[in-house]
Amino acid sequence: MSSEGADVYLRHAIDVDPVRLERLLWIVVALSLVGDVVTTFAGLHLGLAESNPVARSAISGYGLAGMLALKAVAVALGVACRPLLPRPYRVVIPAGLALPWTIATLSNLVLISTVV
């Protein structure tokens, strides 16, 4: 039994230029970062608590500036590590940033909807 035909089909079905995919994912990073920050502060305003101890400390000590600095450090680390990866694998960096921030945004929205 051969999987050669399936492999060819899959390669063509999801054939995406890595450069375009990376650009798209950086846009998702920006949107998810903004979404996480906005929904976090909306939730805090409604009486919810930040569950991430590092973010909680940054927010309690420095407010919005602390949260933005924390996000900036994460993005800066990602950008700094990006050249260390071969070009086809560089999409991992923005995907690794966007995924948890998107999940956090969605989680925040669900929690906010329970108190509104």
C-alpha atoms as a PDB file:
ATOM      1  CA  MET A   1       0.000   0.000   0.000  1.00  0.00           C
ATOM      2  CA  SER A   2       1.402   3.389  -0.954  1.00  0.00           C
ATOM      3  CA  SER A   3       0.611   6.798   0.451  1.00  0.00           C
ATOM      4  CA  GLU A   4       2.374   8.612  -2.376  1.00  0.00           C
ATOM      5  CA  GLY A   5      -0.850   9.830  -3.972  1.00  0.00           C
ATOM      6  CA  ALA A   6      -2.228  11.158  -0.679  1.00  0.00           C
ATOM      7  CA  ASP A   7       1.034  12.960   0.033  1.00  0.00           C
ATOM      8  CA  VAL A   8       0.945  14.703  -3.335  1.00  0.00           C
ATOM      9  CA  TYR A   9      -2.676  15.687  -2.823  1.00  0.00           C
ATOM     10  CA  LEU A  10      -2.013  17.095   0.641  1.00  0.00           C
ATOM     11  CA  ARG A  11       1.001  19.025  -0.532  1.00  0.00           C
ATOM     12  CA  HIS A  12      -1.103  20.750  -3.188  1.00  0.00           C
ATOM     13  CA  ALA A  13      -4.169  21.167  -0.986  1.00  0.00           C
ATOM     14  CA  ILE A  14      -2.289  23.159   1.655  1.00  0.00           C
ATOM     15  CA  ASP A  15       0.494  24.578  -0.490  1.00  0.00           C
ATOM     16  CA  VAL A  16       1.000  27.997   1.108  1.00  0.00           C
ATOM     17  CA  ASP A  17       3.896  30.343   0.584  1.00  0.00           C
ATOM     18  CA  PRO A  18       5.726  30.484   3.962  1.00  0.00           C
ATOM     19  CA  VAL A  19       6.426  34.213   3.580  1.00  0.00           C
ATOM     20  CA  ARG A  20       2.736  35.019   3.035  1.00  0.00           C
ATOM     21  CA  LEU A  21       1.715  32.750   5.886  1.00  0.00           C
ATOM     22  CA  GLU A  22       4.208  34.399   8.214  1.00  0.00           C
ATOM     23  CA  ARG A  23       2.930  37.872   7.284  1.00  0.00           C
ATOM     24  CA  LEU A  24      -0.633  36.765   7.947  1.00  0.00           C
ATOM     25  CA  LEU A  25       0.360  35.300  11.298  1.00  0.00           C
ATOM     26  CA  TRP A  26       2.104  38.543  12.345  1.00  0.00           C
ATOM     27  CA  ILE A  27      -1.181  40.329  11.651  1.00  0.00           C
ATOM     28  CA  VAL A  28      -2.929  37.758  13.839  1.00  0.00           C
ATOM     29  CA  VAL A  29      -0.282  38.417  16.530  1.00  0.00           C
ATOM     30  CA  ALA A  30      -1.062  42.142  16.467  1.00  0.00           C
ATOM     31  CA  LEU A  31      -4.821  41.574  16.587  1.00  0.00           C
ATOM     32  CA  SER A  32      -4.614  38.958  19.333  1.00  0.00           C
ATOM     33  CA  LEU A  33      -2.264  41.146  21.386  1.00  0.00           C
ATOM     34  CA  VAL A  34      -4.696  44.062  21.206  1.00  0.00           C
ATOM     35  CA  GLY A  35      -7.618  41.738  21.906  1.00  0.00           C
ATOM     36  CA  ASP A  36      -5.919  40.256  24.965  1.00  0.00           C
ATOM     37  CA  VAL A  37      -4.977  43.658  26.393  1.00  0.00           C
ATOM     38  CA  VAL A  38      -8.403  45.200  25.774  1.00  0.00           C
ATOM     39  CA  THR A  39     -10.367  42.248  27.135  1.00  0.00           C
ATOM     40  CA  THR A  40      -8.032  41.882  30.121  1.00  0.00           C
ATOM     41  CA  PHE A  41      -8.543  45.478  31.177  1.00  0.00           C
ATOM     42  CA  ALA A  42     -12.275  45.306  30.464  1.00  0.00           C
ATOM     43  CA  GLY A  43     -12.479  42.240  32.694  1.00  0.00           C
ATOM     44  CA  LEU A  44     -10.420  43.876  35.424  1.00  0.00           C
ATOM     45  CA  HIS A  45     -12.724  46.904  35.273  1.00  0.00           C
ATOM     46  CA  LEU A  46     -15.689  44.560  35.792  1.00  0.00           C
ATOM     47  CA  GLY A  47     -14.092  42.990  38.859  1.00  0.00           C
ATOM     48  CA  LEU A  48     -12.460  39.928  37.329  1.00  0.00           C
ATOM     49  CA  ALA A  49      -8.886  38.981  38.279  1.00  0.00           C
ATOM     50  CA  GLU A  50      -5.845  38.321  36.103  1.00  0.00           C
ATOM     51  CA  SER A  51      -4.936  34.623  36.363  1.00  0.00           C
ATOM     52  CA  ASN A  52      -1.378  34.880  34.982  1.00  0.00           C
ATOM     53  CA  PRO A  53       0.861  35.734  37.959  1.00  0.00           C
ATOM     54  CA  VAL A  54       3.482  37.490  35.807  1.00  0.00           C
ATOM     55  CA  ALA A  55       0.868  39.632  34.062  1.00  0.00           C
ATOM     56  CA  ARG A  56      -0.898  40.247  37.380  1.00  0.00           C
ATOM     57  CA  SER A  57       2.343  41.548  38.864  1.00  0.00           C
ATOM     58  CA  ALA A  58       3.079  43.753  35.836  1.00  0.00           C
ATOM     59  CA  ILE A  59      -0.438  45.183  35.881  1.00  0.00           C
ATOM     60  CA  SER A  60      -0.536  45.774  39.635  1.00  0.00           C
ATOM     61  CA  GLY A  61       2.859  47.485  39.553  1.00  0.00           C
ATOM     62  CA  TYR A  62       2.664  49.458  36.319  1.00  0.00           C
ATOM     63  CA  GLY A  63      -0.876  49.220  34.971  1.00  0.00           C
ATOM     64  CA  LEU A  64      -1.365  49.306  31.202  1.00  0.00           C
ATOM     65  CA  ALA A  65       2.299  50.239  30.660  1.00  0.00           C
ATOM     66  CA  GLY A  66       3.347  47.070  32.509  1.00  0.00           C
ATOM     67  CA  MET A  67       1.075  44.894  30.392  1.00  0.00           C
ATOM     68  CA  LEU A  68       2.284  46.506  27.159  1.00  0.00           C
ATOM     69  CA  ALA A  69       5.918  46.132  28.251  1.00  0.00           C
ATOM     70  CA  LEU A  70       5.307  42.440  28.943  1.00  0.00           C
ATOM     71  CA  LYS A  71       3.812  41.977  25.479  1.00  0.00           C
ATOM     72  CA  ALA A  72       6.641  43.990  23.900  1.00  0.00           C
ATOM     73  CA  VAL A  73       9.239  41.738  25.526  1.00  0.00           C
ATOM     74  CA  ALA A  74       7.470  38.633  24.185  1.00  0.00           C
ATOM     75  CA  VAL A  75       7.303  40.057  20.659  1.00  0.00           C
ATOM     76  CA  ALA A  76      10.929  41.255  20.845  1.00  0.00           C
ATOM     77  CA  LEU A  77      12.094  37.785  21.908  1.00  0.00           C
ATOM     78  CA  GLY A  78      10.154  36.245  19.044  1.00  0.00           C
ATOM     79  CA  VAL A  79      11.612  38.681  16.522  1.00  0.00           C
ATOM     80  CA  ALA A  80      15.118  38.125  17.921  1.00  0.00           C
ATOM     81  CA  CYS A  81      14.788  34.329  17.651  1.00  0.00           C
ATOM     82  CA  ARG A  82      13.215  34.406  14.193  1.00  0.00           C
ATOM     83  CA  PRO A  83      16.513  34.511  12.220  1.00  0.00           C
ATOM     84  CA  LEU A  84      17.733  31.419  14.076  1.00  0.00           C
ATOM     85  CA  LEU A  85      15.156  29.269  12.292  1.00  0.00           C
ATOM     86  CA  PRO A  86      15.267  28.100   8.679  1.00  0.00           C
ATOM     87  CA  ARG A  87      12.906  30.186   6.531  1.00  0.00           C
ATOM     88  CA  PRO A  88      10.142  27.537   6.193  1.00  0.00           C
ATOM     89  CA  TYR A  89       9.927  27.199   9.993  1.00  0.00           C
ATOM     90  CA  ARG A  90       9.834  30.892  10.875  1.00  0.00           C
ATOM     91  CA  VAL A  91       6.028  30.795  10.927  1.00  0.00           C
ATOM     92  CA  VAL A  92       6.350  29.007  14.266  1.00  0.00           C
ATOM     93  CA  ILE A  93       7.323  32.278  15.973  1.00  0.00           C
ATOM     94  CA  PRO A  94       4.183  34.305  15.200  1.00  0.00           C
ATOM     95  CA  ALA A  95       2.004  31.207  15.578  1.00  0.00           C
ATOM     96  CA  GLY A  96       3.479  30.636  19.044  1.00  0.00           C
ATOM     97  CA  LEU A  97       2.644  34.204  20.017  1.00  0.00           C
ATOM     98  CA  ALA A  98      -0.777  34.412  18.384  1.00  0.00           C
ATOM     99  CA  LEU A  99      -2.201  31.123  19.659  1.00  0.00           C
ATOM    100  CA  PRO A 100      -2.054  31.771  23.422  1.00  0.00           C
ATOM    101  CA  TRP A 101      -3.107  35.409  23.028  1.00  0.00           C
ATOM    102  CA  THR A 102      -6.056  34.392  20.856  1.00  0.00           C
ATOM    103  CA  ILE A 103      -7.064  31.771  23.415  1.00  0.00           C
ATOM    104  CA  ALA A 104      -6.685  34.353  26.208  1.00  0.00           C
ATOM    105  CA  THR A 105      -8.846  36.830  24.288  1.00  0.00           C
ATOM    106  CA  LEU A 106     -11.578  34.241  23.739  1.00  0.00           C
ATOM    107  CA  SER A 107     -11.371  33.121  27.362  1.00  0.00           C
ATOM    108  CA  ASN A 108     -11.604  36.725  28.533  1.00  0.00           C
ATOM    109  CA  LEU A 109     -14.657  37.289  26.338  1.00  0.00           C
ATOM    110  CA  VAL A 110     -16.379  34.243  27.813  1.00  0.00           C
ATOM    111  CA  LEU A 111     -15.609  35.397  31.362  1.00  0.00           C
ATOM    112  CA  ILE A 112     -16.743  38.948  30.632  1.00  0.00           C
ATOM    113  CA  SER A 113     -20.011  37.618  29.204  1.00  0.00           C
ATOM    114  CA  THR A 114     -20.702  35.869  32.514  1.00  0.00           C
ATOM    115  CA  VAL A 115     -20.560  39.098  34.515  1.00  0.00           C
ATOM    116  CA  VAL A 116     -22.228  41.472  32.063  1.00  0.00           C
END
